[in-house]
N, C-alpha and C. Protein backbone atom coordinates (compact mmCIF):
# COMPACT_ATOMS: atom_id res chain seq x y z
N MET A 1 0.79 -1.24 -0.02
CA MET A 1 0.01 -0.02 0.01
C MET A 1 0.89 1.28 -0.04
N LYS A 2 2.00 1.22 0.80
CA LYS A 2 2.85 2.36 0.80
C LYS A 2 3.40 2.64 -0.57
N LYS A 3 3.79 1.63 -1.32
CA LYS A 3 4.31 1.81 -2.66
C LYS A 3 3.28 2.49 -3.54
N PHE A 4 2.03 2.02 -3.44
CA PHE A 4 0.96 2.55 -4.24
C PHE A 4 0.77 4.10 -3.93
N ILE A 5 0.81 4.47 -2.72
CA ILE A 5 0.63 5.86 -2.27
C ILE A 5 1.82 6.73 -2.79
N LEU A 6 3.02 6.16 -2.63
CA LEU A 6 4.21 6.86 -3.11
C LEU A 6 4.17 7.09 -4.63
N LEU A 7 3.75 6.02 -5.32
CA LEU A 7 3.57 6.10 -6.76
C LEU A 7 2.54 7.19 -7.12
N LEU A 8 1.45 7.12 -6.45
CA LEU A 8 0.37 8.06 -6.70
C LEU A 8 0.87 9.54 -6.47
N VAL A 9 1.61 9.79 -5.38
CA VAL A 9 2.13 11.11 -5.09
C VAL A 9 3.15 11.56 -6.18
N CYS A 10 4.00 10.67 -6.54
CA CYS A 10 4.99 10.99 -7.59
C CYS A 10 4.31 11.32 -8.92
N PHE A 11 3.27 10.50 -9.28
CA PHE A 11 2.54 10.75 -10.49
C PHE A 11 1.79 12.03 -10.48
N SER A 12 1.21 12.45 -9.29
CA SER A 12 0.47 13.67 -9.18
C SER A 12 1.42 14.80 -9.30
N ALA A 13 2.63 14.76 -8.69
CA ALA A 13 3.58 15.86 -8.73
C ALA A 13 4.05 16.00 -10.19
N PHE A 14 4.34 14.91 -10.87
CA PHE A 14 4.77 14.98 -12.28
C PHE A 14 3.71 15.59 -13.17
N THR A 15 2.45 15.23 -12.98
CA THR A 15 1.31 15.77 -13.81
C THR A 15 1.14 17.26 -13.49
N ALA A 16 1.32 17.67 -12.30
CA ALA A 16 1.17 19.06 -12.00
C ALA A 16 2.19 19.93 -12.73
N TYR A 17 3.42 19.41 -12.92
CA TYR A 17 4.45 20.19 -13.59
C TYR A 17 4.50 19.93 -15.11
N SER A 18 3.68 19.10 -15.61
CA SER A 18 3.73 18.83 -17.06
C SER A 18 2.47 19.43 -17.72
N GLN A 19 1.89 20.45 -17.11
CA GLN A 19 0.70 21.08 -17.66
C GLN A 19 1.08 21.92 -18.89
N SER A 20 0.05 22.24 -19.66
CA SER A 20 0.19 23.11 -20.84
C SER A 20 -0.19 24.50 -20.37
N PHE A 21 0.67 25.46 -20.71
CA PHE A 21 0.35 26.86 -20.27
C PHE A 21 -0.41 27.61 -21.38
N SER A 22 -0.66 27.06 -22.49
CA SER A 22 -1.45 27.70 -23.47
C SER A 22 -0.99 29.09 -23.84
N PHE A 23 0.31 29.22 -24.13
CA PHE A 23 0.86 30.54 -24.44
C PHE A 23 0.24 31.11 -25.75
N THR A 24 0.15 32.35 -25.84
CA THR A 24 -0.21 33.04 -27.11
C THR A 24 0.88 34.12 -27.30
N TYR A 25 1.02 34.53 -28.52
CA TYR A 25 2.07 35.51 -28.83
C TYR A 25 1.50 36.89 -28.47
N ASP A 26 2.19 37.70 -27.65
CA ASP A 26 1.72 38.99 -27.20
C ASP A 26 2.40 40.11 -28.01
N HIS A 27 3.64 40.27 -27.91
CA HIS A 27 4.26 41.38 -28.67
C HIS A 27 5.75 41.10 -28.96
N TYR A 28 6.23 41.97 -29.90
CA TYR A 28 7.60 42.01 -30.27
C TYR A 28 8.11 43.39 -30.00
N SER A 29 9.24 43.54 -29.27
CA SER A 29 9.78 44.86 -28.93
C SER A 29 10.96 45.13 -29.81
N CYS A 30 11.06 46.39 -30.24
CA CYS A 30 12.19 46.78 -31.11
C CYS A 30 12.75 48.12 -30.53
N ILE A 31 14.02 48.14 -30.20
CA ILE A 31 14.68 49.33 -29.68
C ILE A 31 15.10 50.18 -30.88
N VAL A 32 14.73 51.44 -30.83
CA VAL A 32 15.07 52.39 -31.96
C VAL A 32 15.59 53.72 -31.40
N GLU A 33 16.31 54.47 -32.19
CA GLU A 33 16.82 55.77 -31.83
C GLU A 33 15.82 56.86 -32.15
N ASP A 34 15.08 56.70 -33.27
CA ASP A 34 14.13 57.78 -33.70
C ASP A 34 12.75 57.10 -33.76
N VAL A 35 12.03 57.18 -32.66
CA VAL A 35 10.72 56.54 -32.49
C VAL A 35 9.69 57.18 -33.46
N LYS A 36 9.84 58.45 -33.77
CA LYS A 36 8.91 59.15 -34.70
C LYS A 36 9.05 58.59 -36.09
N LYS A 37 10.26 58.65 -36.58
CA LYS A 37 10.51 58.23 -38.02
C LYS A 37 10.22 56.72 -38.22
N THR A 38 10.71 55.92 -37.22
CA THR A 38 10.46 54.50 -37.34
C THR A 38 9.03 54.11 -37.14
N GLY A 39 8.35 54.76 -36.21
CA GLY A 39 6.95 54.52 -36.00
C GLY A 39 6.08 54.89 -37.20
N ASP A 40 6.48 56.04 -37.83
CA ASP A 40 5.79 56.47 -39.07
C ASP A 40 5.88 55.39 -40.16
N PHE A 41 7.05 54.69 -40.27
CA PHE A 41 7.20 53.57 -41.22
C PHE A 41 6.19 52.51 -40.95
N TYR A 42 6.10 52.10 -39.72
CA TYR A 42 5.13 50.95 -39.41
C TYR A 42 3.71 51.45 -39.54
N ALA A 43 3.41 52.70 -39.32
CA ALA A 43 2.01 53.18 -39.51
C ALA A 43 1.74 53.40 -41.00
N ASP A 44 2.66 54.09 -41.73
CA ASP A 44 2.37 54.39 -43.06
C ASP A 44 2.68 53.37 -44.11
N VAL A 45 3.87 52.73 -44.01
CA VAL A 45 4.20 51.68 -45.00
C VAL A 45 3.53 50.38 -44.72
N LEU A 46 3.65 49.88 -43.48
CA LEU A 46 3.05 48.54 -43.12
C LEU A 46 1.56 48.71 -42.72
N GLN A 47 1.12 49.91 -42.55
CA GLN A 47 -0.28 50.27 -42.18
C GLN A 47 -0.77 49.51 -40.94
N LEU A 48 0.10 49.46 -39.94
CA LEU A 48 -0.26 48.88 -38.69
C LEU A 48 -1.02 49.93 -37.86
N GLU A 49 -2.02 49.48 -37.08
CA GLU A 49 -2.82 50.42 -36.28
C GLU A 49 -2.05 50.82 -35.08
N GLU A 50 -1.85 52.12 -34.87
CA GLU A 50 -1.17 52.62 -33.61
C GLU A 50 -2.15 52.57 -32.50
N ILE A 51 -1.67 52.06 -31.38
CA ILE A 51 -2.47 51.98 -30.16
C ILE A 51 -1.73 52.76 -29.05
N PRO A 52 -2.44 53.29 -28.09
CA PRO A 52 -1.78 54.06 -27.07
C PRO A 52 -0.94 53.20 -26.06
N HIS A 53 0.17 53.79 -25.67
CA HIS A 53 0.96 53.17 -24.57
C HIS A 53 0.13 53.39 -23.34
N PRO A 54 0.07 52.38 -22.41
CA PRO A 54 -0.74 52.51 -21.22
C PRO A 54 -0.49 53.71 -20.36
N ASP A 55 0.79 54.11 -20.29
CA ASP A 55 1.19 55.28 -19.51
C ASP A 55 1.30 56.56 -20.32
N ARG A 56 1.10 56.41 -21.63
CA ARG A 56 1.28 57.57 -22.55
C ARG A 56 2.65 58.22 -22.41
N ALA A 57 3.64 57.40 -22.02
CA ALA A 57 5.03 57.89 -21.79
C ALA A 57 5.69 58.22 -23.10
N PRO A 58 6.53 59.25 -23.08
CA PRO A 58 7.24 59.62 -24.34
C PRO A 58 8.27 58.47 -24.58
N GLY A 59 8.65 58.39 -25.87
CA GLY A 59 9.68 57.43 -26.24
C GLY A 59 9.15 56.05 -26.58
N PHE A 60 7.81 55.90 -26.66
CA PHE A 60 7.17 54.57 -26.93
C PHE A 60 6.16 54.80 -28.03
N ARG A 61 6.09 53.89 -28.95
CA ARG A 61 4.97 53.79 -29.94
C ARG A 61 4.56 52.33 -30.06
N TRP A 62 3.36 52.04 -29.82
CA TRP A 62 2.83 50.71 -29.87
C TRP A 62 1.87 50.55 -31.03
N PHE A 63 1.88 49.38 -31.68
CA PHE A 63 1.05 49.11 -32.85
C PHE A 63 0.38 47.72 -32.67
N ARG A 64 -0.87 47.65 -33.09
CA ARG A 64 -1.55 46.37 -33.16
C ARG A 64 -1.23 45.68 -34.51
N ILE A 65 -0.86 44.46 -34.45
CA ILE A 65 -0.52 43.75 -35.66
C ILE A 65 -1.78 43.04 -36.15
N ASN A 66 -2.39 42.27 -35.32
CA ASN A 66 -3.64 41.57 -35.68
C ASN A 66 -4.18 40.99 -34.33
N GLY A 67 -5.47 41.25 -34.16
CA GLY A 67 -6.07 40.74 -32.90
C GLY A 67 -5.37 41.48 -31.73
N ASN A 68 -4.75 40.78 -30.81
CA ASN A 68 -4.08 41.35 -29.70
C ASN A 68 -2.60 41.39 -29.80
N THR A 69 -2.04 40.89 -30.89
CA THR A 69 -0.61 40.88 -31.11
C THR A 69 -0.07 42.33 -31.34
N GLN A 70 1.00 42.68 -30.78
CA GLN A 70 1.52 44.06 -30.85
C GLN A 70 2.99 44.13 -31.20
N LEU A 71 3.29 45.31 -31.69
CA LEU A 71 4.74 45.68 -31.93
C LEU A 71 4.97 46.87 -30.96
N HIS A 72 6.03 46.84 -30.21
CA HIS A 72 6.36 47.89 -29.31
C HIS A 72 7.70 48.54 -29.74
N LEU A 73 7.68 49.79 -30.12
CA LEU A 73 8.91 50.49 -30.41
C LEU A 73 9.31 51.24 -29.19
N ILE A 74 10.56 51.13 -28.75
CA ILE A 74 11.09 51.73 -27.56
C ILE A 74 12.30 52.58 -27.94
N GLN A 75 12.23 53.87 -27.68
CA GLN A 75 13.32 54.76 -27.99
C GLN A 75 14.44 54.72 -26.95
N LYS A 76 15.65 54.56 -27.40
CA LYS A 76 16.83 54.68 -26.55
C LYS A 76 17.87 55.55 -27.30
N ASP A 77 18.82 56.13 -26.49
CA ASP A 77 19.79 57.02 -27.10
C ASP A 77 20.73 56.33 -28.03
N SER A 78 21.07 55.05 -27.73
CA SER A 78 21.94 54.30 -28.61
C SER A 78 21.43 52.91 -28.69
N VAL A 79 21.63 52.32 -29.87
CA VAL A 79 21.08 50.95 -30.17
C VAL A 79 22.24 50.19 -30.76
N ILE A 80 22.38 48.93 -30.16
CA ILE A 80 23.40 48.04 -30.74
C ILE A 80 22.63 47.14 -31.78
N ARG A 81 23.12 47.22 -33.02
CA ARG A 81 22.45 46.51 -34.04
C ARG A 81 23.31 45.35 -34.55
N THR A 82 22.70 44.19 -34.80
CA THR A 82 23.46 43.12 -35.36
C THR A 82 23.53 43.15 -36.87
N GLY A 83 22.51 43.77 -37.47
CA GLY A 83 22.48 43.83 -38.96
C GLY A 83 22.07 42.51 -39.59
N SER A 84 21.93 41.46 -38.75
CA SER A 84 21.65 40.11 -39.27
C SER A 84 20.20 39.99 -39.70
N LYS A 85 19.97 39.49 -40.86
CA LYS A 85 18.61 39.26 -41.35
C LYS A 85 17.90 38.19 -40.51
N SER A 86 18.66 37.38 -39.79
CA SER A 86 18.07 36.28 -38.94
C SER A 86 17.33 36.98 -37.75
N VAL A 87 17.61 38.19 -37.43
CA VAL A 87 16.86 38.91 -36.32
C VAL A 87 15.82 39.82 -37.06
N HIS A 88 14.57 39.41 -37.00
CA HIS A 88 13.59 40.18 -37.75
C HIS A 88 12.15 39.95 -37.18
N LEU A 89 11.33 40.91 -37.44
CA LEU A 89 9.88 40.81 -37.23
C LEU A 89 9.30 40.15 -38.48
N CYS A 90 8.39 39.21 -38.30
CA CYS A 90 7.81 38.60 -39.50
C CYS A 90 6.30 38.78 -39.47
N LEU A 91 5.76 39.24 -40.56
CA LEU A 91 4.30 39.39 -40.78
C LEU A 91 3.89 38.55 -41.95
N ALA A 92 2.76 37.90 -41.84
CA ALA A 92 2.23 37.04 -42.90
C ALA A 92 0.99 37.72 -43.53
N THR A 93 0.85 37.50 -44.91
CA THR A 93 -0.30 38.04 -45.59
C THR A 93 -0.63 37.14 -46.74
N ARG A 94 -1.85 37.09 -47.11
CA ARG A 94 -2.25 36.33 -48.29
C ARG A 94 -2.09 37.17 -49.56
N GLU A 95 -1.88 38.45 -49.35
CA GLU A 95 -1.74 39.40 -50.45
C GLU A 95 -0.30 39.87 -50.71
N LEU A 96 0.60 38.95 -50.74
CA LEU A 96 2.03 39.32 -50.95
C LEU A 96 2.23 39.98 -52.31
N ASP A 97 1.65 39.55 -53.38
CA ASP A 97 1.79 40.18 -54.69
C ASP A 97 1.28 41.63 -54.62
N GLU A 98 0.19 41.84 -53.99
CA GLU A 98 -0.41 43.23 -53.93
C GLU A 98 0.51 44.07 -53.08
N PHE A 99 1.10 43.45 -52.00
CA PHE A 99 2.01 44.23 -51.13
C PHE A 99 3.28 44.63 -51.84
N ILE A 100 3.81 43.67 -52.67
CA ILE A 100 4.99 43.97 -53.48
C ILE A 100 4.72 45.08 -54.45
N ALA A 101 3.56 45.07 -55.10
CA ALA A 101 3.20 46.16 -56.00
C ALA A 101 3.09 47.50 -55.29
N TYR A 102 2.53 47.41 -54.07
CA TYR A 102 2.46 48.61 -53.22
C TYR A 102 3.86 49.18 -52.90
N LEU A 103 4.76 48.27 -52.52
CA LEU A 103 6.15 48.69 -52.20
C LEU A 103 6.80 49.33 -53.40
N GLU A 104 6.60 48.66 -54.62
CA GLU A 104 7.25 49.16 -55.80
C GLU A 104 6.67 50.49 -56.20
N SER A 105 5.41 50.71 -56.01
CA SER A 105 4.77 52.01 -56.33
C SER A 105 5.29 53.11 -55.48
N ARG A 106 5.82 52.78 -54.34
CA ARG A 106 6.40 53.79 -53.40
C ARG A 106 7.91 53.77 -53.38
N ASP A 107 8.52 53.04 -54.33
CA ASP A 107 9.96 52.92 -54.42
C ASP A 107 10.63 52.44 -53.10
N ILE A 108 9.97 51.50 -52.46
CA ILE A 108 10.49 50.92 -51.20
C ILE A 108 11.20 49.60 -51.59
N PRO A 109 12.46 49.45 -51.35
CA PRO A 109 13.15 48.27 -51.79
C PRO A 109 12.85 47.05 -50.90
N TYR A 110 12.96 45.82 -51.50
CA TYR A 110 12.79 44.63 -50.74
C TYR A 110 13.82 43.65 -51.31
N TRP A 111 14.09 42.60 -50.53
CA TRP A 111 15.06 41.59 -50.95
C TRP A 111 14.57 40.16 -50.67
N ASP A 112 15.20 39.19 -51.34
CA ASP A 112 14.93 37.79 -50.93
C ASP A 112 15.89 37.41 -49.83
N TRP A 113 15.79 36.17 -49.33
CA TRP A 113 16.60 35.71 -48.23
C TRP A 113 18.16 35.78 -48.58
N PRO A 114 18.54 35.35 -49.79
CA PRO A 114 20.00 35.45 -50.12
C PRO A 114 20.50 36.86 -50.27
N GLY A 115 19.57 37.86 -50.46
CA GLY A 115 19.99 39.26 -50.49
C GLY A 115 19.84 39.91 -51.85
N GLU A 116 19.14 39.25 -52.82
CA GLU A 116 18.99 39.86 -54.14
C GLU A 116 17.78 40.83 -54.08
N LYS A 117 18.03 42.06 -54.52
CA LYS A 117 17.05 43.10 -54.45
C LYS A 117 15.97 42.83 -55.44
N GLY A 118 14.68 43.06 -54.96
CA GLY A 118 13.52 42.91 -55.84
C GLY A 118 13.12 41.51 -56.16
N LYS A 119 13.61 40.59 -55.39
CA LYS A 119 13.33 39.13 -55.67
C LYS A 119 12.56 38.51 -54.45
N VAL A 120 11.87 37.41 -54.73
CA VAL A 120 11.06 36.73 -53.74
C VAL A 120 11.65 35.34 -53.53
N THR A 121 11.77 34.94 -52.27
CA THR A 121 12.26 33.59 -51.93
C THR A 121 11.07 32.63 -51.87
N LEU A 122 11.23 31.47 -52.41
CA LEU A 122 10.24 30.38 -52.30
C LEU A 122 10.86 29.40 -51.39
N ARG A 123 10.32 29.27 -50.17
CA ARG A 123 10.91 28.31 -49.26
C ARG A 123 10.48 26.86 -49.63
N SER A 124 11.14 25.91 -49.08
CA SER A 124 10.88 24.47 -49.41
C SER A 124 9.50 24.07 -48.96
N ASP A 125 8.86 24.79 -48.04
CA ASP A 125 7.46 24.40 -47.62
C ASP A 125 6.41 25.16 -48.42
N GLY A 126 6.88 25.88 -49.49
CA GLY A 126 5.93 26.58 -50.38
C GLY A 126 5.62 27.97 -50.00
N VAL A 127 6.10 28.46 -48.88
CA VAL A 127 5.80 29.81 -48.43
C VAL A 127 6.75 30.80 -49.20
N ARG A 128 6.17 31.89 -49.71
CA ARG A 128 6.93 32.92 -50.38
C ARG A 128 7.26 34.02 -49.38
N GLN A 129 8.46 34.61 -49.52
CA GLN A 129 8.89 35.61 -48.51
C GLN A 129 9.74 36.70 -49.13
N ILE A 130 9.58 37.87 -48.61
CA ILE A 130 10.43 38.99 -48.92
C ILE A 130 10.91 39.66 -47.63
N TYR A 131 11.97 40.48 -47.70
CA TYR A 131 12.47 41.22 -46.54
C TYR A 131 12.62 42.68 -46.95
N LEU A 132 12.28 43.56 -46.03
CA LEU A 132 12.50 44.94 -46.19
C LEU A 132 13.06 45.53 -44.89
N LYS A 133 13.56 46.77 -44.95
CA LYS A 133 14.15 47.33 -43.78
C LYS A 133 13.33 48.54 -43.33
N ASP A 134 13.21 48.75 -42.01
CA ASP A 134 12.61 49.97 -41.54
C ASP A 134 13.68 51.07 -41.58
N PRO A 135 13.36 52.30 -41.22
CA PRO A 135 14.31 53.40 -41.28
C PRO A 135 15.56 53.20 -40.48
N GLU A 136 15.58 52.30 -39.51
CA GLU A 136 16.77 52.09 -38.67
C GLU A 136 17.48 50.78 -39.07
N ASP A 137 17.13 50.27 -40.24
CA ASP A 137 17.75 49.08 -40.77
C ASP A 137 17.37 47.75 -40.04
N ASN A 138 16.29 47.78 -39.32
CA ASN A 138 15.76 46.51 -38.78
C ASN A 138 15.03 45.74 -39.87
N TRP A 139 15.28 44.46 -39.95
CA TRP A 139 14.68 43.63 -40.99
C TRP A 139 13.25 43.27 -40.61
N VAL A 140 12.42 43.29 -41.65
CA VAL A 140 11.02 42.88 -41.50
C VAL A 140 10.76 41.88 -42.65
N GLU A 141 10.35 40.64 -42.27
CA GLU A 141 9.99 39.63 -43.25
C GLU A 141 8.48 39.73 -43.47
N ILE A 142 8.06 39.58 -44.74
CA ILE A 142 6.70 39.55 -45.12
C ILE A 142 6.55 38.21 -45.84
N ASN A 143 5.69 37.31 -45.41
CA ASN A 143 5.54 36.01 -46.10
C ASN A 143 4.14 35.61 -46.28
N THR A 144 3.90 34.50 -46.86
CA THR A 144 2.53 33.96 -47.10
C THR A 144 2.15 32.81 -46.27
N ALA A 145 2.83 32.60 -45.13
CA ALA A 145 2.51 31.46 -44.22
C ALA A 145 1.12 31.60 -43.72
N GLU A 146 0.42 30.49 -43.65
CA GLU A 146 -1.00 30.48 -43.14
C GLU A 146 -0.92 29.79 -41.75
N HIS A 147 -1.58 30.39 -40.80
CA HIS A 147 -1.62 29.89 -39.44
C HIS A 147 -3.04 29.63 -39.00
């Protein structure tokens, strides 16, 4: 009987720590030097909806991406940049061709993953993707992934 109770206690402890937390994606933060210029890019070029910072503090601009997912721009006096395309915000759309035409109509450059300007990457899973830069050279991927 003692072994059974010990086994039951161990199993209960294991199950308590193996729960699912049901995470959802909340926000992506990006440190910038010029929050106005960079924020205007996300508002005007990517047409993200600007939402108020809860404290309305200066040096912050927040944007709604879709539903409750957000982009937070945080102004700092200096920013250490990697320049690596591997560090990027990624947004998905079903209208990639229309978005590319929109970028081209505004003379906004974009690149494929290898770095060829004006080209689109076709990933092995069938997703098409492009990359563009915000005014502070942060990479933004736009792709056709469906979630």
